[in-house]
N, C-alpha and C. Protein backbone atom coordinates (compact mmCIF):
# COMPACT_ATOMS: atom_id res chain seq x y z
N MET A 1 -56.41 45.30 -69.93
CA MET A 1 -55.78 44.00 -69.89
C MET A 1 -54.99 43.87 -68.60
N GLU A 2 -55.12 42.78 -67.94
CA GLU A 2 -54.41 42.55 -66.69
C GLU A 2 -53.16 41.73 -66.98
N THR A 3 -52.04 42.16 -66.40
CA THR A 3 -50.80 41.42 -66.61
C THR A 3 -50.58 40.49 -65.44
N SER A 4 -49.92 39.40 -65.71
CA SER A 4 -49.65 38.44 -64.64
C SER A 4 -48.42 38.88 -63.86
N LYS A 5 -48.43 38.56 -62.59
CA LYS A 5 -47.33 38.92 -61.70
C LYS A 5 -46.20 37.91 -61.86
N THR A 6 -44.98 38.43 -61.93
CA THR A 6 -43.79 37.59 -62.03
C THR A 6 -43.13 37.53 -60.67
N LYS A 7 -42.52 36.41 -60.35
CA LYS A 7 -41.83 36.27 -59.06
C LYS A 7 -40.62 37.20 -59.02
N ALA A 8 -40.55 37.99 -57.98
CA ALA A 8 -39.43 38.92 -57.82
C ALA A 8 -38.19 38.15 -57.37
N PRO A 9 -37.01 38.62 -57.77
CA PRO A 9 -35.77 37.98 -57.31
C PRO A 9 -35.56 38.22 -55.82
N ASN A 10 -34.68 37.45 -55.22
CA ASN A 10 -34.42 37.55 -53.78
C ASN A 10 -33.92 38.94 -53.39
N TRP A 11 -33.15 39.59 -54.25
CA TRP A 11 -32.61 40.90 -53.90
C TRP A 11 -33.70 41.96 -53.83
N TYR A 12 -34.85 41.72 -54.44
CA TYR A 12 -35.98 42.65 -54.33
C TYR A 12 -36.34 42.86 -52.86
N LEU A 13 -36.45 41.77 -52.13
CA LEU A 13 -36.81 41.85 -50.72
C LEU A 13 -35.75 42.61 -49.93
N VAL A 14 -34.49 42.42 -50.27
CA VAL A 14 -33.40 43.14 -49.58
C VAL A 14 -33.57 44.65 -49.79
N VAL A 15 -33.81 45.06 -51.03
CA VAL A 15 -33.99 46.49 -51.33
C VAL A 15 -35.25 47.02 -50.63
N ALA A 16 -36.33 46.24 -50.66
CA ALA A 16 -37.57 46.67 -50.01
C ALA A 16 -37.37 46.84 -48.51
N VAL A 17 -36.63 45.95 -47.88
CA VAL A 17 -36.37 46.05 -46.44
C VAL A 17 -35.50 47.27 -46.15
N ILE A 18 -34.50 47.52 -46.99
CA ILE A 18 -33.66 48.70 -46.80
C ILE A 18 -34.51 49.97 -46.89
N LEU A 19 -35.40 50.03 -47.86
CA LEU A 19 -36.28 51.21 -47.99
C LEU A 19 -37.24 51.30 -46.82
N LEU A 20 -37.70 50.17 -46.32
CA LEU A 20 -38.57 50.18 -45.15
C LEU A 20 -37.82 50.73 -43.93
N LEU A 21 -36.60 50.26 -43.71
CA LEU A 21 -35.80 50.74 -42.58
C LEU A 21 -35.47 52.22 -42.73
N TRP A 22 -35.12 52.65 -43.94
CA TRP A 22 -34.83 54.05 -44.20
C TRP A 22 -36.04 54.92 -43.84
N ASN A 23 -37.21 54.50 -44.28
CA ASN A 23 -38.42 55.27 -44.01
C ASN A 23 -38.83 55.19 -42.55
N LEU A 24 -38.53 54.10 -41.89
CA LEU A 24 -38.76 54.00 -40.45
C LEU A 24 -37.88 55.01 -39.70
N MET A 25 -36.62 55.14 -40.16
CA MET A 25 -35.75 56.17 -39.56
C MET A 25 -36.31 57.56 -39.80
N GLY A 26 -36.93 57.78 -40.96
CA GLY A 26 -37.58 59.06 -41.23
C GLY A 26 -38.71 59.33 -40.26
N LEU A 27 -39.52 58.31 -39.99
CA LEU A 27 -40.59 58.46 -39.00
C LEU A 27 -40.04 58.81 -37.63
N LEU A 28 -39.00 58.10 -37.22
CA LEU A 28 -38.40 58.37 -35.92
C LEU A 28 -37.83 59.78 -35.86
N SER A 29 -37.21 60.22 -36.94
CA SER A 29 -36.68 61.58 -37.00
C SER A 29 -37.81 62.60 -36.90
N PHE A 30 -38.91 62.35 -37.57
CA PHE A 30 -40.05 63.24 -37.50
C PHE A 30 -40.56 63.36 -36.07
N PHE A 31 -40.78 62.23 -35.41
CA PHE A 31 -41.30 62.26 -34.04
C PHE A 31 -40.31 62.93 -33.09
N ALA A 32 -39.01 62.69 -33.30
CA ALA A 32 -38.00 63.33 -32.45
C ALA A 32 -38.00 64.85 -32.65
N HIS A 33 -38.19 65.27 -33.90
CA HIS A 33 -38.17 66.70 -34.21
C HIS A 33 -39.44 67.41 -33.71
N VAL A 34 -40.58 66.83 -34.00
CA VAL A 34 -41.85 67.49 -33.69
C VAL A 34 -42.19 67.41 -32.21
N PHE A 35 -41.84 66.32 -31.58
CA PHE A 35 -42.21 66.14 -30.18
C PHE A 35 -41.02 66.27 -29.23
N ILE A 36 -40.07 67.11 -29.61
CA ILE A 36 -38.90 67.32 -28.76
C ILE A 36 -39.37 67.95 -27.44
N THR A 37 -38.84 67.44 -26.35
CA THR A 37 -39.26 67.95 -25.04
C THR A 37 -38.52 69.24 -24.72
N ASP A 38 -39.08 69.99 -23.80
CA ASP A 38 -38.43 71.23 -23.37
C ASP A 38 -37.06 70.94 -22.77
N GLU A 39 -36.94 69.83 -22.05
CA GLU A 39 -35.67 69.47 -21.43
C GLU A 39 -34.59 69.19 -22.49
N VAL A 40 -34.96 68.43 -23.51
CA VAL A 40 -34.00 68.13 -24.58
C VAL A 40 -33.67 69.41 -25.34
N LEU A 41 -34.66 70.21 -25.63
CA LEU A 41 -34.43 71.47 -26.33
C LEU A 41 -33.50 72.38 -25.52
N ALA A 42 -33.69 72.42 -24.21
CA ALA A 42 -32.84 73.25 -23.34
C ALA A 42 -31.40 72.75 -23.30
N SER A 43 -31.22 71.46 -23.54
CA SER A 43 -29.86 70.89 -23.49
C SER A 43 -29.07 71.14 -24.78
N LEU A 44 -29.74 71.60 -25.83
CA LEU A 44 -29.06 71.86 -27.09
C LEU A 44 -28.29 73.18 -27.02
N PRO A 45 -27.24 73.31 -27.83
CA PRO A 45 -26.55 74.61 -27.92
C PRO A 45 -27.53 75.70 -28.38
N GLU A 46 -27.26 76.92 -28.00
CA GLU A 46 -28.15 78.05 -28.28
C GLU A 46 -28.50 78.16 -29.77
N GLN A 47 -27.52 77.97 -30.66
CA GLN A 47 -27.78 78.09 -32.10
C GLN A 47 -28.78 77.03 -32.58
N GLU A 48 -28.66 75.82 -32.05
CA GLU A 48 -29.60 74.76 -32.44
C GLU A 48 -31.00 75.05 -31.90
N ARG A 49 -31.09 75.59 -30.70
CA ARG A 49 -32.40 75.96 -30.16
C ARG A 49 -33.05 77.03 -31.04
N GLN A 50 -32.27 78.01 -31.47
CA GLN A 50 -32.80 79.05 -32.33
C GLN A 50 -33.24 78.49 -33.68
N LEU A 51 -32.52 77.48 -34.15
CA LEU A 51 -32.87 76.85 -35.41
C LEU A 51 -34.26 76.22 -35.34
N TYR A 52 -34.58 75.63 -34.20
CA TYR A 52 -35.92 75.05 -34.02
C TYR A 52 -37.00 76.11 -34.16
N ASP A 53 -36.71 77.34 -33.76
CA ASP A 53 -37.68 78.42 -33.86
C ASP A 53 -37.89 78.88 -35.31
N GLU A 54 -36.97 78.51 -36.21
CA GLU A 54 -37.05 78.94 -37.60
C GLU A 54 -37.95 78.04 -38.45
N TYR A 55 -38.51 76.99 -37.87
CA TYR A 55 -39.35 76.07 -38.63
C TYR A 55 -40.82 76.44 -38.46
N PRO A 56 -41.45 76.97 -39.51
CA PRO A 56 -42.88 77.26 -39.41
C PRO A 56 -43.69 75.96 -39.42
N LEU A 57 -44.95 76.07 -39.05
CA LEU A 57 -45.83 74.91 -38.97
C LEU A 57 -45.89 74.12 -40.27
N TRP A 58 -45.92 74.81 -41.40
CA TRP A 58 -46.05 74.12 -42.69
C TRP A 58 -44.90 73.15 -42.93
N THR A 59 -43.70 73.46 -42.40
CA THR A 59 -42.58 72.52 -42.61
C THR A 59 -42.81 71.23 -41.85
N ASN A 60 -43.42 71.31 -40.67
CA ASN A 60 -43.75 70.08 -39.94
C ASN A 60 -44.83 69.29 -40.65
N LEU A 61 -45.77 69.99 -41.26
CA LEU A 61 -46.84 69.30 -42.00
C LEU A 61 -46.28 68.56 -43.21
N ILE A 62 -45.41 69.22 -43.98
CA ILE A 62 -44.86 68.50 -45.14
C ILE A 62 -43.84 67.45 -44.72
N PHE A 63 -43.18 67.66 -43.58
CA PHE A 63 -42.31 66.62 -43.03
C PHE A 63 -43.17 65.38 -42.74
N ALA A 64 -44.33 65.58 -42.14
CA ALA A 64 -45.24 64.46 -41.84
C ALA A 64 -45.68 63.78 -43.13
N ILE A 65 -46.07 64.56 -44.13
CA ILE A 65 -46.49 63.97 -45.41
C ILE A 65 -45.35 63.16 -46.01
N ALA A 66 -44.15 63.73 -45.98
CA ALA A 66 -42.98 63.05 -46.57
C ALA A 66 -42.72 61.71 -45.91
N VAL A 67 -42.69 61.68 -44.58
CA VAL A 67 -42.31 60.43 -43.91
C VAL A 67 -43.43 59.41 -43.89
N PHE A 68 -44.67 59.86 -43.72
CA PHE A 68 -45.76 58.89 -43.67
C PHE A 68 -46.05 58.29 -45.04
N THR A 69 -45.99 59.10 -46.09
CA THR A 69 -46.20 58.54 -47.43
C THR A 69 -45.00 57.70 -47.86
N GLY A 70 -43.80 58.10 -47.46
CA GLY A 70 -42.62 57.28 -47.75
C GLY A 70 -42.70 55.93 -47.06
N PHE A 71 -43.12 55.94 -45.81
CA PHE A 71 -43.28 54.68 -45.07
C PHE A 71 -44.37 53.82 -45.70
N ALA A 72 -45.47 54.46 -46.10
CA ALA A 72 -46.54 53.73 -46.78
C ALA A 72 -46.03 53.10 -48.08
N GLY A 73 -45.23 53.85 -48.82
CA GLY A 73 -44.64 53.32 -50.05
C GLY A 73 -43.77 52.11 -49.78
N ALA A 74 -42.98 52.18 -48.71
CA ALA A 74 -42.12 51.05 -48.35
C ALA A 74 -42.95 49.83 -47.96
N ILE A 75 -44.04 50.07 -47.24
CA ILE A 75 -44.96 48.98 -46.90
C ILE A 75 -45.55 48.41 -48.20
N GLY A 76 -45.92 49.30 -49.12
CA GLY A 76 -46.44 48.86 -50.41
C GLY A 76 -45.46 47.97 -51.16
N LEU A 77 -44.18 48.30 -51.10
CA LEU A 77 -43.17 47.45 -51.73
C LEU A 77 -43.09 46.08 -51.03
N MET A 78 -43.20 46.11 -49.72
CA MET A 78 -43.12 44.85 -48.97
C MET A 78 -44.26 43.90 -49.35
N VAL A 79 -45.44 44.47 -49.60
CA VAL A 79 -46.59 43.64 -49.97
C VAL A 79 -46.80 43.62 -51.48
N LYS A 80 -45.85 44.19 -52.22
CA LYS A 80 -45.78 44.14 -53.68
C LYS A 80 -47.01 44.75 -54.35
N LYS A 81 -47.30 46.00 -53.98
CA LYS A 81 -48.42 46.73 -54.55
C LYS A 81 -47.95 47.91 -55.39
N LYS A 82 -48.61 48.10 -56.54
CA LYS A 82 -48.25 49.19 -57.46
C LYS A 82 -48.48 50.57 -56.85
N TRP A 83 -49.40 50.69 -55.91
CA TRP A 83 -49.68 52.00 -55.33
C TRP A 83 -48.49 52.56 -54.57
N ALA A 84 -47.48 51.73 -54.34
CA ALA A 84 -46.26 52.22 -53.68
C ALA A 84 -45.65 53.39 -54.46
N ARG A 85 -45.77 53.33 -55.80
CA ARG A 85 -45.21 54.41 -56.62
C ARG A 85 -45.86 55.75 -56.28
N LEU A 86 -47.18 55.78 -56.18
CA LEU A 86 -47.87 57.03 -55.84
C LEU A 86 -47.45 57.53 -54.46
N ALA A 87 -47.31 56.62 -53.51
CA ALA A 87 -46.89 57.01 -52.17
C ALA A 87 -45.49 57.63 -52.21
N PHE A 88 -44.57 57.02 -52.95
CA PHE A 88 -43.21 57.56 -53.04
C PHE A 88 -43.19 58.90 -53.79
N ILE A 89 -44.03 59.05 -54.80
CA ILE A 89 -44.10 60.33 -55.52
C ILE A 89 -44.60 61.43 -54.58
N LEU A 90 -45.65 61.13 -53.82
CA LEU A 90 -46.15 62.11 -52.84
C LEU A 90 -45.07 62.45 -51.81
N SER A 91 -44.35 61.45 -51.38
CA SER A 91 -43.28 61.67 -50.42
C SER A 91 -42.22 62.62 -50.99
N LEU A 92 -41.78 62.35 -52.21
CA LEU A 92 -40.76 63.21 -52.82
C LEU A 92 -41.29 64.63 -53.03
N CYS A 93 -42.56 64.75 -53.39
CA CYS A 93 -43.17 66.08 -53.56
C CYS A 93 -43.18 66.86 -52.25
N ALA A 94 -43.19 66.18 -51.13
CA ALA A 94 -43.11 66.86 -49.83
C ALA A 94 -41.66 67.06 -49.40
N ILE A 95 -40.79 66.13 -49.76
CA ILE A 95 -39.38 66.23 -49.38
C ILE A 95 -38.73 67.47 -49.98
N VAL A 96 -38.98 67.73 -51.25
CA VAL A 96 -38.28 68.80 -51.95
C VAL A 96 -38.50 70.17 -51.30
N PRO A 97 -39.73 70.62 -51.07
CA PRO A 97 -39.87 71.93 -50.42
C PRO A 97 -39.34 71.95 -48.98
N GLN A 98 -39.44 70.82 -48.30
CA GLN A 98 -38.91 70.75 -46.94
C GLN A 98 -37.40 70.96 -46.96
N MET A 99 -36.71 70.28 -47.86
CA MET A 99 -35.25 70.39 -47.93
C MET A 99 -34.82 71.77 -48.42
N ILE A 100 -35.58 72.33 -49.35
CA ILE A 100 -35.27 73.69 -49.82
C ILE A 100 -35.37 74.67 -48.65
N HIS A 101 -36.43 74.52 -47.86
CA HIS A 101 -36.57 75.40 -46.69
C HIS A 101 -35.41 75.20 -45.72
N ASN A 102 -35.09 73.95 -45.43
CA ASN A 102 -34.01 73.67 -44.48
C ASN A 102 -32.68 74.27 -44.93
N LEU A 103 -32.39 74.18 -46.22
CA LEU A 103 -31.10 74.66 -46.72
C LEU A 103 -31.04 76.17 -46.92
N PHE A 104 -32.09 76.74 -47.46
CA PHE A 104 -32.01 78.13 -47.91
C PHE A 104 -32.78 79.14 -47.08
N PHE A 105 -33.63 78.68 -46.19
CA PHE A 105 -34.45 79.61 -45.41
C PHE A 105 -34.24 79.48 -43.91
N THR A 106 -33.26 78.71 -43.52
CA THR A 106 -32.86 78.63 -42.11
C THR A 106 -31.35 78.85 -42.05
N LYS A 107 -30.84 78.90 -40.85
CA LYS A 107 -29.40 79.08 -40.66
C LYS A 107 -28.71 77.74 -40.41
N SER A 108 -29.24 76.66 -41.01
CA SER A 108 -28.70 75.33 -40.75
C SER A 108 -27.24 75.21 -41.19
N MET A 109 -26.85 75.88 -42.27
CA MET A 109 -25.45 75.80 -42.71
C MET A 109 -24.53 76.50 -41.72
N GLU A 110 -25.00 77.58 -41.12
CA GLU A 110 -24.20 78.26 -40.10
C GLU A 110 -24.08 77.41 -38.84
N VAL A 111 -25.17 76.76 -38.49
CA VAL A 111 -25.21 75.98 -37.24
C VAL A 111 -24.43 74.68 -37.37
N TYR A 112 -24.66 73.94 -38.46
CA TYR A 112 -24.05 72.61 -38.60
C TYR A 112 -22.84 72.57 -39.52
N GLY A 113 -22.61 73.64 -40.26
CA GLY A 113 -21.55 73.62 -41.26
C GLY A 113 -22.15 73.18 -42.59
N THR A 114 -21.55 73.66 -43.66
CA THR A 114 -22.10 73.40 -44.99
C THR A 114 -22.18 71.91 -45.31
N ALA A 115 -21.11 71.18 -45.06
CA ALA A 115 -21.08 69.76 -45.42
C ALA A 115 -22.18 68.98 -44.72
N GLU A 116 -22.33 69.17 -43.44
CA GLU A 116 -23.34 68.43 -42.68
C GLU A 116 -24.75 68.90 -43.04
N ALA A 117 -24.93 70.20 -43.21
CA ALA A 117 -26.26 70.74 -43.50
C ALA A 117 -26.74 70.34 -44.90
N VAL A 118 -25.82 70.16 -45.84
CA VAL A 118 -26.17 69.84 -47.22
C VAL A 118 -26.25 68.33 -47.45
N SER A 119 -25.43 67.56 -46.76
CA SER A 119 -25.36 66.12 -47.05
C SER A 119 -26.66 65.38 -46.78
N MET A 120 -27.30 65.63 -45.66
CA MET A 120 -28.53 64.89 -45.36
C MET A 120 -29.66 65.22 -46.33
N PRO A 121 -29.91 66.50 -46.66
CA PRO A 121 -30.94 66.76 -47.67
C PRO A 121 -30.66 66.08 -49.01
N ILE A 122 -29.40 66.05 -49.41
CA ILE A 122 -29.07 65.37 -50.67
C ILE A 122 -29.36 63.88 -50.56
N ILE A 123 -28.97 63.27 -49.46
CA ILE A 123 -29.22 61.84 -49.26
C ILE A 123 -30.71 61.55 -49.25
N VAL A 124 -31.49 62.39 -48.58
CA VAL A 124 -32.94 62.18 -48.50
C VAL A 124 -33.58 62.29 -49.88
N VAL A 125 -33.19 63.29 -50.66
CA VAL A 125 -33.73 63.45 -52.01
C VAL A 125 -33.32 62.27 -52.89
N VAL A 126 -32.07 61.85 -52.80
CA VAL A 126 -31.61 60.71 -53.60
C VAL A 126 -32.40 59.45 -53.25
N PHE A 127 -32.62 59.19 -51.96
CA PHE A 127 -33.43 58.03 -51.57
C PHE A 127 -34.85 58.15 -52.11
N GLY A 128 -35.40 59.36 -52.10
CA GLY A 128 -36.74 59.57 -52.65
C GLY A 128 -36.80 59.24 -54.13
N ILE A 129 -35.81 59.71 -54.87
CA ILE A 129 -35.75 59.44 -56.31
C ILE A 129 -35.53 57.96 -56.57
N LEU A 130 -34.61 57.35 -55.84
CA LEU A 130 -34.34 55.93 -56.02
C LEU A 130 -35.54 55.06 -55.66
N SER A 131 -36.31 55.48 -54.67
CA SER A 131 -37.52 54.74 -54.29
C SER A 131 -38.51 54.71 -55.45
N ILE A 132 -38.69 55.86 -56.09
CA ILE A 132 -39.59 55.93 -57.24
C ILE A 132 -39.04 55.10 -58.39
N TRP A 133 -37.76 55.24 -58.66
CA TRP A 133 -37.14 54.47 -59.75
C TRP A 133 -37.29 52.97 -59.51
N PHE A 134 -36.99 52.52 -58.30
CA PHE A 134 -37.07 51.09 -57.99
C PHE A 134 -38.50 50.58 -58.11
N THR A 135 -39.46 51.39 -57.69
CA THR A 135 -40.86 50.99 -57.80
C THR A 135 -41.27 50.91 -59.27
N ASN A 136 -40.87 51.89 -60.06
CA ASN A 136 -41.16 51.84 -61.50
C ASN A 136 -40.52 50.61 -62.15
N TYR A 137 -39.29 50.33 -61.79
CA TYR A 137 -38.59 49.16 -62.31
C TYR A 137 -39.34 47.88 -61.93
N SER A 138 -39.78 47.81 -60.70
CA SER A 138 -40.51 46.64 -60.21
C SER A 138 -41.84 46.47 -60.94
N ILE A 139 -42.49 47.58 -61.24
CA ILE A 139 -43.75 47.52 -61.99
C ILE A 139 -43.49 47.01 -63.41
N LYS A 140 -42.45 47.53 -64.05
CA LYS A 140 -42.11 47.08 -65.40
C LYS A 140 -41.78 45.59 -65.45
N LYS A 141 -41.19 45.10 -64.38
CA LYS A 141 -40.82 43.68 -64.31
C LYS A 141 -42.00 42.80 -63.87
N ASN A 142 -43.15 43.43 -63.61
CA ASN A 142 -44.36 42.73 -63.15
C ASN A 142 -44.19 42.05 -61.80
N TRP A 143 -43.40 42.67 -60.94
CA TRP A 143 -43.22 42.13 -59.58
C TRP A 143 -44.30 42.66 -58.64
N LEU A 144 -44.98 43.73 -59.05
CA LEU A 144 -46.01 44.34 -58.21
C LEU A 144 -47.37 44.17 -58.87
N ASN A 145 -48.40 44.08 -58.04
CA ASN A 145 -49.75 43.97 -58.62
C ASN A 145 -50.66 45.06 -58.06
């Protein structure tokens, strides 16, 4: 049975744009991290340079999965498609191991301090969870097709 689409409230677009901008920042962060130039890397403090050496290839791969699927999910929300939920779920499935690695398998807490090293992973995971929740809510309200 096919359900009819209901008009989303105006605040839906505001939330969708916020998630789009958040995921765009994730893409920019990914490109800045993966394609850092030798000059920029050389300008970093020694501890931060060493931290870059602690990231194995697989972390860059799941970073890519996290940001590209998150961005796709945000695009899906903008065009009001149900597949946005799957994109956000895939994104969160990539975010979690990436953040676990960053927190527990690198020296990020020593380099940046506990508060700074822990706050961004928490924020990223919370945004991932909220993205899925908002998409599920939107599906239940028949705002997505």
